Protein backbone atom coordinates (compact mmCIF):
# COMPACT_ATOMS: atom_id res chain seq x y z
CA MET A 1 225.45 -10.87 58.74
CA LYS A 2 222.50 -9.38 60.61
CA ARG A 3 222.21 -11.48 63.12
CA VAL A 4 226.34 -10.10 63.99
CA PHE A 5 225.57 -7.20 64.06
CA ASP A 6 222.46 -7.22 66.08
CA ILE A 7 224.75 -8.99 68.49
CA ILE A 8 227.48 -6.76 68.16
CA PHE A 9 225.15 -3.68 68.29
CA SER A 10 223.21 -4.69 71.20
CA GLY A 11 225.55 -5.65 73.48
CA PHE A 12 227.51 -1.87 73.20
CA VAL A 13 224.29 -0.33 73.50
CA LEU A 14 223.38 -1.98 76.83
CA MET A 15 227.01 -1.47 78.24
CA CYS A 16 226.89 2.41 77.73
CA PHE A 17 223.42 2.57 78.90
CA LEU A 18 223.80 0.43 82.16
CA PRO A 19 224.44 3.60 84.38
CA ILE A 20 221.18 5.19 83.21
CA GLY A 21 218.91 1.89 83.02
CA GLY A 22 220.00 1.55 86.85
CA ILE A 23 218.70 4.99 87.49
CA ILE A 24 215.48 4.10 85.86
CA ALA A 25 215.00 1.55 87.43
CA LEU A 26 215.33 3.00 90.91
CA CYS A 27 213.15 5.22 90.38
CA ILE A 28 210.56 3.24 89.33
CA ALA A 29 210.91 1.44 91.99
CA LEU A 30 210.46 3.60 94.56
CA GLU A 31 207.56 5.87 92.51
CA SER A 32 205.21 3.26 92.23
CA LYS A 33 204.66 -0.81 93.67
CA GLY A 34 205.94 -3.87 91.00
CA GLY A 35 208.42 -4.97 89.37
CA ILE A 36 210.74 -2.71 87.31
CA PHE A 37 210.11 -4.62 84.18
CA PHE A 38 206.97 -5.18 81.96
CA LYS A 39 206.50 -7.90 79.80
CA GLN A 40 203.91 -8.49 77.61
CA GLU A 41 203.54 -11.77 74.88
CA ARG A 42 203.68 -10.46 71.41
CA ILE A 43 203.74 -12.59 67.92
CA GLY A 44 207.35 -12.83 66.58
CA LYS A 45 209.07 -14.85 63.61
CA ASN A 46 206.88 -17.10 61.72
CA GLY A 47 204.24 -16.40 64.14
CA ALA A 48 206.02 -17.88 66.98
CA PRO A 49 204.96 -15.79 70.72
CA PHE A 50 207.80 -14.82 72.84
CA GLN A 51 207.58 -11.93 75.86
CA LEU A 52 208.53 -8.54 74.82
CA LEU A 53 210.73 -6.59 77.86
CA LYS A 54 209.78 -2.72 78.79
CA PHE A 55 210.63 -0.66 81.52
CA ARG A 56 207.57 -0.60 83.31
CA SER A 57 206.01 2.78 82.21
CA MET A 58 202.44 2.21 83.63
CA PHE A 59 200.68 1.84 86.89
CA ILE A 60 200.29 -2.09 88.20
CA ASN A 61 197.22 -4.64 86.13
CA SER A 62 196.94 -1.52 84.01
CA GLU A 63 197.05 -3.60 80.91
CA SER A 64 193.90 -5.04 81.98
CA MET A 65 191.85 -1.90 81.22
CA GLY A 66 193.44 -1.86 77.61
CA LYS A 67 196.63 -2.09 75.76
CA ILE A 68 196.35 0.66 73.70
CA THR A 69 197.81 4.25 75.58
CA VAL A 70 196.10 7.24 74.58
CA GLY A 71 199.38 10.10 75.54
CA LYS A 72 198.99 12.37 78.51
CA LYS A 73 194.77 11.49 79.15
CA ASP A 74 196.17 8.08 80.02
CA ALA A 75 195.99 8.13 83.80
CA ARG A 76 197.53 4.34 83.76
CA ILE A 77 201.18 5.53 83.04
CA THR A 78 203.24 7.12 85.94
CA GLY A 79 204.84 10.00 86.35
CA MET A 80 208.57 8.49 85.16
CA GLY A 81 206.40 6.20 83.21
CA TYR A 82 205.94 9.77 80.72
CA PHE A 83 209.27 10.74 80.70
CA ILE A 84 210.45 7.49 79.96
CA ARG A 85 207.56 6.88 77.31
CA LYS A 86 208.96 10.39 75.64
CA TYR A 87 212.30 9.71 75.35
CA LYS A 88 211.40 6.10 73.89
CA LEU A 89 214.25 4.74 77.02
CA ASP A 90 210.95 2.14 78.28
CA GLU A 91 212.17 0.68 74.63
CA PHE A 92 215.95 -0.57 75.65
CA PRO A 93 215.25 -3.48 77.76
CA GLN A 94 214.10 -4.64 74.49
CA PHE A 95 218.03 -4.91 73.40
CA ILE A 96 217.93 -8.45 75.58
CA ASN A 97 215.79 -9.69 73.67
CA VAL A 98 217.70 -9.28 70.23
CA LEU A 99 220.45 -10.65 72.23
CA LYS A 100 218.23 -13.89 72.58
CA GLY A 101 217.59 -13.91 69.19
CA GLU A 102 213.89 -12.57 69.47
CA MET A 103 214.61 -9.63 68.01
CA SER A 104 216.63 -8.11 65.50
CA ILE A 105 217.46 -3.94 65.92
CA VAL A 106 215.84 -3.35 62.59
CA GLY A 107 212.46 -4.75 61.67
CA PRO A 108 208.83 -4.62 61.90
CA ARG A 109 207.24 -4.12 65.48
CA PRO A 110 205.96 -7.13 67.15
CA GLU A 111 201.88 -6.68 67.20
CA VAL A 112 200.25 -8.36 70.35
CA LYS A 113 198.22 -11.44 69.25
CA GLU A 114 195.16 -9.55 69.19
CA TYR A 115 195.56 -7.94 66.25
CA VAL A 116 198.03 -10.23 64.17
CA ASP A 117 195.13 -12.21 63.68
CA LEU A 118 192.79 -8.97 62.12
CA TYR A 119 196.20 -9.44 59.85
CA THR A 120 194.72 -10.43 55.79
CA GLU A 121 196.87 -13.55 54.48
CA SER A 122 199.09 -11.08 52.38
CA GLN A 123 199.62 -8.61 55.62
CA ARG A 124 200.86 -11.32 57.60
CA LYS A 125 204.27 -11.86 54.98
CA ILE A 126 205.76 -9.74 57.63
CA LEU A 127 206.19 -11.91 60.19
CA GLN A 128 208.80 -14.13 57.88
CA VAL A 129 211.16 -12.35 59.87
CA LYS A 130 212.19 -10.90 63.35
CA PRO A 131 210.63 -8.55 64.75
CA GLY A 132 212.62 -5.32 65.23
CA ILE A 133 213.16 -2.38 68.19
CA THR A 134 212.05 -0.10 65.36
CA ASP A 135 211.45 0.73 61.91
CA LEU A 136 210.06 2.84 59.04
CA ALA A 137 206.99 2.62 61.12
CA SER A 138 208.91 3.57 64.24
CA LEU A 139 209.98 6.98 62.73
CA ALA A 140 206.26 7.62 60.76
CA TYR A 141 204.71 6.73 64.15
CA PHE A 142 206.97 8.31 66.80
CA HIS A 143 204.35 10.36 68.37
CA GLU A 144 201.74 8.00 68.26
CA ASN A 145 199.92 7.91 71.75
CA GLU A 146 199.47 11.63 70.94
CA LEU A 147 197.40 11.17 67.80
CA LEU A 148 195.57 8.18 69.37
CA ALA A 149 194.42 10.83 72.26
CA LYS A 150 192.71 13.19 69.49
CA SER A 151 190.92 10.16 69.02
CA ASP A 152 186.72 9.46 69.98
CA ASN A 153 188.13 5.56 69.33
CA PRO A 154 191.38 5.21 69.97
CA GLN A 155 191.50 1.39 69.56
CA GLN A 156 188.88 1.92 66.35
CA THR A 157 191.06 4.17 64.74
CA TYR A 158 194.59 1.88 65.77
CA ILE A 159 193.04 -0.72 63.79
CA GLN A 160 191.57 0.57 60.51
CA GLU A 161 193.75 3.74 59.79
CA VAL A 162 197.36 3.06 62.26
CA MET A 163 197.85 -0.61 61.77
CA PRO A 164 197.36 -0.69 57.69
CA GLU A 165 199.74 1.76 57.44
CA LYS A 166 202.55 0.55 59.82
CA ILE A 167 202.68 -2.83 57.83
CA ARG A 168 202.52 -0.86 54.52
CA LEU A 169 205.86 0.46 55.19
CA ASN A 170 207.04 -2.68 57.04
CA GLU A 171 206.12 -4.51 53.43
CA ARG A 172 207.61 -1.63 51.74
CA TYR A 173 211.10 -2.11 53.86
CA LEU A 174 210.94 -5.89 53.60
CA ALA A 175 210.82 -5.70 49.46
CA ASN A 176 214.30 -4.44 49.39
CA PRO A 177 216.10 -5.42 52.76
CA SER A 178 220.09 -4.11 53.37
CA LEU A 179 222.12 -3.27 55.98
CA SER A 180 222.82 -0.10 55.09
CA GLN A 181 218.59 0.54 55.01
CA ASP A 182 218.90 -0.49 58.53
CA LEU A 183 221.87 2.03 59.45
CA VAL A 184 219.87 4.73 57.95
CA ILE A 185 217.06 3.85 60.08
CA ILE A 186 218.67 3.36 63.51
CA CYS A 187 220.44 6.57 62.60
CA LYS A 188 216.89 8.49 62.27
CA THR A 189 215.80 6.54 65.82
CA PHE A 190 218.30 8.52 67.69
CA ALA A 191 217.78 11.68 65.59
CA LYS A 192 213.97 11.63 66.65
CA ILE A 193 214.88 10.39 70.18
CA PHE A 194 217.03 13.20 70.94
CA ARG A 195 214.97 15.83 68.65
CA ALA A 196 212.18 14.80 71.10
């Protein structure tokens, strides 16, 4: 049932989003050199790596300077990048990942390998399901970049404070997964985006 819902919902969103996506793609291409999409290896179900898609919001080769972004302090983000990040529009290409079967609409957000390698054996249980576009942690840390921008050591803050709390929220979600809970999370996510 979850897979059927993922396919129908993703197809609908992508069709509706196509005109806006075209405008975003054009703006990205005109503003700075580089491709329209940003691909990054993330760890998916059962520890299998996959290429997560986003609209590119940073200048090319920015990832070599670190994987954590810190809100308005981060000079690597383009002007268009700030806009699409604020409204989470950079995340929409991930509906393609959902159609490919690499992700679900709702599920633990996929991490890069260097952070997954820090998981305890117990924490690795969240890798037993497909990662998602949104989850309880995404709602709780909707403004994560701004939070990290206040830290003197954003990477340390993420690893020691933010990541463990995200995992705890994911464990809570996985304790009682259901389509009704997914629908609530989806509705709350869209509400946060519109309020932004």
